[in-house]
Amino acid sequence: MIVENTLYLSTQGSYAHLDHDTVIVEAEGQVLIRVPLHHLGAMVVYGNVLVSPYLIHRVAQDGKSLSWMTLSGSFRGQLRGPTSGNVLLRVAQQTVASDMRLNLVRTLVAGKVHNQRQVLLRGAREAGDDIARKILTRGARAIHILSRNIPRFNTINALRGMEGIIGRQYFKAFPALIRGENTQWKFPRRSRRPPKDPVNAMLSFGYALLQSECRSACEVAGLDPQVGFLHALRPGRPALALDLMEEFRAHLVDRLALSLMNRRQISHEDFIFRPGGAVEMQDKARRTLITAYQQRKQEEIYHPVLQQTVPLGVLPLYQAKILARVLRGDMSMYQPFLFR
């Protein structure tokens, strides 16, 4: 199975254009990369990167997506071609019954919590010292106990509150996943907008990559990425894409960031510390994380619903299609992807 690649452009001052059917990216008179357009499913540009008008037109014409992000990974906008998909599916998504909505939110929260707990348990098995092992085991146990309450809640707000409580337990144990000899990495708490330390900067950037993938997956599956269930609806907010990415955060982003730190592929020198406390990744760090993310997407895993092995990179699309089947009434219940 071929996974359509996403081309990430982060070299500041670079220029992407189309030569026949090949995307060429240049900077300072040098060609950085050549990629056949048909190999790409999407393009994501960060900061000061120029894209030729003709390439923009072709991206829209071919049904691919082009997203614009800030250097820190915040989403700014996206181009796609004409809206496709079954309009009846989008209507069903918008008019889903309240009991189905509540069950969907329960399932989404349960899937996210399961995968967070699995990351802590895996870390405990691989921990190099007893202190880290105890912290991770205790965190996994706390998450397990709290997650028993999920089926009992009968409002979406209560489920959102429980998700937040469990998330704090997860990130409380998260520093123990960083190997003890890596004393340069500090993670006091999860901080966003802006990230306050390098670990949070990597997590936020990785989540932005994942959000872009999930947004595109919703579009391809014929769903409206703005109409979600777990996340509150707000103008311009891709609530469904945020819903979809919850089950993938821990394994596709958190573990990736931990791997880069623990293998010393990224160091503190790869970050910019701004006045006021904001921390940003430098070009080198962004390229390292993006390369590792693309490689991670090629890894294969068994999908129990499809009953076949698939690349990690297509999981958001398959899960979006499963959600679409539930909304159409072809399946009775959404099944999140549960990592082992």
Protein backbone atom coordinates (compact mmCIF):
# COMPACT_ATOMS: atom_id res chain seq x y z
CA MET A 1 0.00 0.00 0.00
CA ILE A 2 1.37 3.42 -0.95
CA VAL A 3 0.96 6.21 1.57
CA GLU A 4 0.60 9.61 -0.03
CA ASN A 5 3.33 11.86 1.36
CA THR A 6 2.96 15.28 2.88
CA LEU A 7 5.60 17.80 1.79
CA TYR A 8 6.60 20.05 4.70
CA LEU A 9 8.37 23.29 3.73
CA SER A 10 10.10 25.06 6.61
CA THR A 11 13.28 26.55 5.11
CA GLN A 12 12.74 30.29 5.46
CA GLY A 13 12.98 32.24 2.21
CA SER A 14 12.51 29.15 0.03
CA TYR A 15 10.33 29.10 -3.07
CA ALA A 16 8.18 26.20 -4.29
CA HIS A 17 7.05 26.05 -7.90
CA LEU A 18 5.93 23.54 -10.51
CA ASP A 19 8.02 22.42 -13.48
CA HIS A 20 5.69 20.30 -15.61
CA ASP A 21 4.46 17.77 -12.98
CA THR A 22 7.37 18.10 -10.55
CA VAL A 23 7.41 20.29 -7.46
CA ILE A 24 10.76 22.07 -7.12
CA VAL A 25 11.80 23.86 -3.95
CA GLU A 26 14.66 26.35 -4.18
CA ALA A 27 16.51 28.59 -1.73
CA GLU A 28 19.35 31.02 -2.46
CA GLY A 29 19.65 29.72 -6.01
CA GLN A 30 19.99 26.09 -4.95
CA VAL A 31 17.47 23.30 -5.54
CA LEU A 32 16.58 21.76 -2.18
CA ILE A 33 14.21 19.04 -3.39
CA ARG A 34 12.34 17.74 -6.41
CA VAL A 35 9.15 15.73 -5.88
CA PRO A 36 6.68 14.42 -8.49
CA LEU A 37 3.35 16.06 -7.74
CA HIS A 38 1.46 12.76 -8.00
CA HIS A 39 3.48 11.43 -5.03
CA LEU A 40 2.04 14.12 -2.77
CA GLY A 41 -1.26 14.16 -0.94
CA ALA A 42 -0.70 17.50 0.79
CA MET A 43 1.72 20.39 1.31
CA VAL A 44 2.32 22.31 4.54
CA VAL A 45 4.34 25.54 4.62
CA TYR A 46 5.78 27.26 7.69
CA GLY A 47 6.51 30.95 7.98
CA ASN A 48 8.21 32.79 5.12
CA VAL A 49 7.90 30.23 2.32
CA LEU A 50 6.63 31.28 -1.11
CA VAL A 51 4.46 29.07 -3.33
CA SER A 52 3.93 29.92 -7.00
CA PRO A 53 0.38 30.73 -8.17
CA TYR A 54 0.48 27.93 -10.74
CA LEU A 55 1.42 25.35 -8.09
CA ILE A 56 -1.42 26.61 -5.88
CA HIS A 57 -3.85 26.20 -8.79
CA ARG A 58 -2.66 22.64 -9.49
CA VAL A 59 -2.91 21.64 -5.85
CA ALA A 60 -6.55 22.77 -5.79
CA GLN A 61 -7.29 21.23 -9.18
CA ASP A 62 -5.87 17.83 -8.15
CA GLY A 63 -7.82 17.73 -4.90
CA LYS A 64 -4.75 18.01 -2.69
CA SER A 65 -4.43 20.36 0.28
CA LEU A 66 -2.06 23.25 0.97
CA SER A 67 -1.84 24.48 4.57
CA TRP A 68 -0.15 27.57 5.96
CA MET A 69 1.34 27.50 9.48
CA THR A 70 3.33 29.84 11.69
CA LEU A 71 6.90 28.92 12.58
CA SER A 72 5.67 27.56 15.92
CA GLY A 73 3.17 25.32 14.15
CA SER A 74 -0.06 27.27 14.67
CA PHE A 75 -2.57 26.76 11.88
CA ARG A 76 -3.38 29.82 9.75
CA GLY A 77 -5.29 28.56 6.74
CA GLN A 78 -5.81 25.79 4.22
CA LEU A 79 -6.57 25.53 0.51
CA ARG A 80 -8.50 22.65 -1.00
CA GLY A 81 -10.34 22.13 -4.24
CA PRO A 82 -14.15 22.02 -4.54
CA THR A 83 -15.90 20.33 -1.63
CA SER A 84 -16.48 16.65 -2.32
CA GLY A 85 -18.25 13.87 -0.49
CA ASN A 86 -21.86 12.97 0.12
CA VAL A 87 -23.84 15.99 1.25
CA LEU A 88 -26.21 13.63 3.10
CA LEU A 89 -23.28 12.48 5.23
CA ARG A 90 -22.52 16.05 6.23
CA VAL A 91 -26.17 16.62 7.10
CA ALA A 92 -26.16 13.45 9.22
CA GLN A 93 -23.01 14.70 10.95
CA GLN A 94 -24.67 18.01 11.82
CA THR A 95 -27.95 16.49 12.99
CA VAL A 96 -26.62 13.50 14.93
CA ALA A 97 -28.96 12.49 17.76
CA SER A 98 -27.99 13.54 21.28
CA ASP A 99 -27.63 9.95 22.53
CA MET A 100 -25.29 9.06 19.65
CA ARG A 101 -23.29 12.25 20.29
CA LEU A 102 -22.85 11.33 23.95
CA ASN A 103 -21.77 7.78 23.08
CA LEU A 104 -19.31 9.12 20.51
CA VAL A 105 -17.76 11.46 23.07
CA ARG A 106 -17.50 8.64 25.62
CA THR A 107 -15.74 6.48 23.05
CA LEU A 108 -13.37 9.25 21.95
CA VAL A 109 -12.36 10.02 25.54
CA ALA A 110 -11.98 6.32 26.39
CA GLY A 111 -9.76 5.78 23.35
CA LYS A 112 -7.51 8.72 24.18
CA VAL A 113 -7.20 7.68 27.82
CA HIS A 114 -6.40 4.07 26.92
CA ASN A 115 -3.59 5.16 24.60
CA GLN A 116 -2.14 7.58 27.18
CA ARG A 117 -2.10 4.81 29.77
CA GLN A 118 -0.38 2.44 27.32
CA VAL A 119 2.42 4.97 26.79
CA LEU A 120 3.02 5.15 30.55
CA LEU A 121 2.92 1.35 30.93
CA ARG A 122 5.34 0.89 28.06
CA GLY A 123 7.63 3.50 29.61
CA ALA A 124 7.47 1.67 32.95
CA ARG A 125 8.53 -1.59 31.30
CA GLU A 126 11.47 0.12 29.61
CA ALA A 127 12.46 2.41 32.53
CA GLY A 128 16.11 2.34 33.48
CA ASP A 129 15.62 3.07 37.17
CA ASP A 130 13.16 2.18 39.93
CA ILE A 131 12.08 5.78 40.61
CA ALA A 132 10.92 6.38 37.04
CA ARG A 133 9.24 2.96 36.97
CA LYS A 134 7.27 3.71 40.13
CA ILE A 135 6.17 7.14 38.88
CA LEU A 136 4.97 5.73 35.57
CA THR A 137 3.24 2.73 37.17
CA ARG A 138 1.51 5.02 39.68
CA GLY A 139 0.40 7.36 36.89
CA ALA A 140 -0.98 4.49 34.81
CA ARG A 141 -2.86 3.16 37.84
CA ALA A 142 -4.37 6.59 38.56
CA ILE A 143 -5.54 6.88 34.95
CA HIS A 144 -7.07 3.40 35.10
CA ILE A 145 -9.01 4.22 38.27
CA LEU A 146 -10.28 7.55 36.92
CA SER A 147 -11.24 6.04 33.55
CA ARG A 148 -13.73 3.72 35.27
CA ASN A 149 -15.96 6.77 35.70
CA ILE A 150 -16.24 7.48 31.96
CA PRO A 151 -19.31 5.24 31.35
CA ARG A 152 -21.13 6.86 34.28
CA PHE A 153 -21.13 10.42 32.96
CA ASN A 154 -24.27 11.51 31.13
CA THR A 155 -23.19 14.94 29.89
CA ILE A 156 -20.53 15.96 27.41
CA ASN A 157 -19.24 18.69 29.74
CA ALA A 158 -18.68 16.11 32.49
CA LEU A 159 -16.74 13.92 30.06
CA ARG A 160 -14.65 16.90 28.98
CA GLY A 161 -13.88 17.58 32.62
CA MET A 162 -12.81 13.98 33.22
CA GLU A 163 -10.61 14.08 30.12
CA GLY A 164 -8.86 17.14 31.55
CA ILE A 165 -8.34 15.51 34.95
CA ILE A 166 -6.86 12.38 33.39
CA GLY A 167 -4.70 14.50 31.07
CA ARG A 168 -3.16 16.22 34.10
CA GLN A 169 -2.33 12.83 35.61
CA TYR A 170 -0.72 11.74 32.35
CA PHE A 171 1.46 14.83 32.01
CA LYS A 172 2.32 14.69 35.72
CA ALA A 173 4.02 11.34 35.04
CA PHE A 174 5.36 12.40 31.61
CA PRO A 175 8.80 13.64 32.84
CA ALA A 176 9.61 10.10 34.01
CA LEU A 177 9.51 9.03 30.35
CA ILE A 178 12.56 11.21 29.69
CA ARG A 179 15.67 9.22 30.51
CA GLY A 180 17.35 10.25 33.72
CA GLU A 181 20.66 11.19 32.11
CA ASN A 182 18.94 13.83 29.96
CA THR A 183 18.99 16.50 32.67
CA GLN A 184 18.74 19.31 30.07
CA TRP A 185 15.04 18.57 29.52
CA LYS A 186 12.61 20.07 32.00
CA PHE A 187 8.86 19.57 31.80
CA PRO A 188 7.06 21.18 34.75
CA ARG A 189 3.63 21.06 33.09
CA ARG A 190 1.86 21.16 29.72
CA SER A 191 1.93 24.75 28.42
CA ARG A 192 0.51 26.12 25.16
CA ARG A 193 0.09 29.38 23.30
CA PRO A 194 2.99 29.86 23.72
CA PRO A 195 5.00 26.81 24.82
CA LYS A 196 7.22 27.68 27.79
CA ASP A 197 9.96 25.07 27.35
CA PRO A 198 11.52 22.94 24.56
CA VAL A 199 9.50 19.82 25.41
CA ASN A 200 6.23 21.71 25.11
CA ALA A 201 7.46 23.35 21.91
CA MET A 202 8.03 19.92 20.35
CA LEU A 203 4.67 18.60 21.53
CA SER A 204 2.80 21.63 20.19
CA PHE A 205 4.58 21.43 16.84
CA GLY A 206 3.90 17.69 16.58
CA TYR A 207 0.23 18.16 17.46
CA ALA A 208 -0.01 20.77 14.71
CA LEU A 209 1.34 18.23 12.19
CA LEU A 210 -1.17 15.66 13.40
CA GLN A 211 -4.04 18.15 13.29
CA SER A 212 -3.27 18.93 9.66
CA GLU A 213 -3.33 15.20 8.83
CA CYS A 214 -6.64 14.69 10.65
CA ARG A 215 -8.21 17.73 9.01
CA SER A 216 -7.34 16.35 5.58
CA ALA A 217 -8.59 12.89 6.60
CA CYS A 218 -11.99 14.37 7.50
CA GLU A 219 -12.21 16.12 4.13
CA VAL A 220 -11.25 13.00 2.17
CA ALA A 221 -13.82 10.93 4.09
CA GLY A 222 -16.51 13.46 3.15
CA LEU A 223 -16.90 14.84 6.67
CA ASP A 224 -16.99 18.48 7.75
CA PRO A 225 -13.87 19.07 9.89
CA GLN A 226 -15.59 22.00 11.64
CA VAL A 227 -18.45 19.96 13.14
CA GLY A 228 -17.14 17.92 16.06
CA PHE A 229 -18.54 16.19 19.11
CA LEU A 230 -15.98 16.28 21.93
CA HIS A 231 -14.55 19.72 21.18
CA ALA A 232 -16.87 22.71 21.43
CA LEU A 233 -17.85 24.39 18.17
CA ARG A 234 -16.17 27.74 17.52
CA PRO A 235 -15.79 29.78 14.32
CA GLY A 236 -12.72 28.61 12.42
CA ARG A 237 -12.02 25.72 14.77
CA PRO A 238 -11.65 22.25 13.15
CA ALA A 239 -13.52 20.56 16.00
CA LEU A 240 -13.89 17.16 14.29
CA ALA A 241 -10.21 17.08 13.31
CA LEU A 242 -9.36 17.79 16.97
CA ASP A 243 -11.72 14.98 18.02
CA LEU A 244 -10.10 12.56 15.60
CA MET A 245 -6.54 13.32 16.63
CA GLU A 246 -7.14 12.63 20.34
CA GLU A 247 -6.62 8.88 20.03
CA PHE A 248 -3.30 9.43 18.17
CA ARG A 249 -1.62 12.14 20.27
CA ALA A 250 0.17 9.91 22.74
CA HIS A 251 1.60 7.36 20.30
CA LEU A 252 2.21 9.42 17.16
CA VAL A 253 3.48 12.64 18.76
CA ASP A 254 4.38 12.16 22.44
CA ARG A 255 6.42 9.00 21.84
CA LEU A 256 8.09 10.60 18.83
CA ALA A 257 9.19 13.64 20.86
CA LEU A 258 10.46 11.37 23.64
CA SER A 259 12.43 9.32 21.13
CA LEU A 260 14.13 12.42 19.70
CA MET A 261 15.10 13.57 23.20
CA ASN A 262 16.21 10.21 24.53
CA ARG A 263 18.27 9.45 21.43
CA ARG A 264 19.81 12.93 21.58
CA GLN A 265 18.69 13.76 18.06
CA ILE A 266 17.52 17.17 19.32
CA SER A 267 19.26 19.32 21.93
CA HIS A 268 18.57 22.57 23.79
CA GLU A 269 20.72 24.43 21.25
CA ASP A 270 18.02 23.71 18.64
CA PHE A 271 15.51 26.09 20.30
CA ILE A 272 15.00 29.84 20.51
CA PHE A 273 14.16 31.27 23.94
CA ARG A 274 12.15 34.46 23.48
CA PRO A 275 11.83 37.32 25.97
CA GLY A 276 8.72 36.70 28.04
CA GLY A 277 9.24 32.93 28.20
CA ALA A 278 8.06 31.67 24.81
CA VAL A 279 10.16 28.88 23.25
CA GLU A 280 10.34 28.07 19.53
CA MET A 281 12.04 25.37 17.51
CA GLN A 282 14.82 26.40 15.14
CA ASP A 283 14.86 25.22 11.52
CA LYS A 284 17.14 22.27 12.35
CA ALA A 285 14.82 21.01 15.08
CA ARG A 286 11.74 21.37 12.87
CA ARG A 287 13.41 19.45 10.05
CA THR A 288 14.51 16.70 12.44
CA LEU A 289 11.03 16.29 13.89
CA ILE A 290 9.32 16.41 10.49
CA THR A 291 11.70 13.79 9.06
CA ALA A 292 11.13 11.50 12.05
CA TYR A 293 7.37 12.03 11.78
CA GLN A 294 7.36 11.07 8.10
CA GLN A 295 9.39 7.96 8.86
CA ARG A 296 7.02 7.05 11.69
CA LYS A 297 4.06 7.29 9.30
CA GLN A 298 5.59 4.51 7.16
CA GLU A 299 5.66 2.01 10.04
CA GLU A 300 2.96 -0.64 9.82
CA ILE A 301 0.46 -1.81 12.44
CA TYR A 302 -2.42 -4.25 12.50
CA HIS A 303 -5.89 -2.68 12.29
CA PRO A 304 -8.46 -4.93 14.06
CA VAL A 305 -11.51 -3.46 12.31
CA LEU A 306 -10.00 -3.73 8.83
CA GLN A 307 -8.26 -6.99 9.79
CA GLN A 308 -5.12 -6.07 7.90
CA THR A 309 -1.77 -4.39 8.42
CA VAL A 310 -1.70 -0.70 7.46
CA PRO A 311 0.86 2.15 7.65
CA LEU A 312 0.50 4.43 10.67
CA GLY A 313 0.19 7.39 8.32
CA VAL A 314 -3.22 6.29 7.01
CA LEU A 315 -4.78 5.59 10.42
CA PRO A 316 -6.48 9.03 10.63
CA LEU A 317 -8.07 8.47 7.21
CA TYR A 318 -9.29 4.98 8.08
CA GLN A 319 -10.68 6.19 11.41
CA ALA A 320 -12.44 9.08 9.66
CA LYS A 321 -14.01 6.59 7.24
CA ILE A 322 -15.13 4.38 10.14
CA LEU A 323 -16.71 7.44 11.77
CA ALA A 324 -18.48 8.23 8.50
CA ARG A 325 -19.91 4.70 8.42
CA VAL A 326 -21.25 5.18 11.95
CA LEU A 327 -22.90 8.48 11.03
CA ARG A 328 -24.47 6.88 7.95
CA GLY A 329 -25.84 4.06 10.09
CA ASP A 330 -23.67 1.35 8.50
CA MET A 331 -21.97 0.64 11.86
CA SER A 332 -23.55 0.79 15.30
CA MET A 333 -20.61 2.20 17.25
CA TYR A 334 -17.37 4.08 16.56
CA GLN A 335 -14.27 2.08 17.51
CA PRO A 336 -11.18 4.19 18.27
CA PHE A 337 -7.79 2.78 17.40
CA LEU A 338 -6.32 1.33 20.58
CA PHE A 339 -2.55 0.95 20.69
CA ARG A 340 -1.02 -1.92 22.64
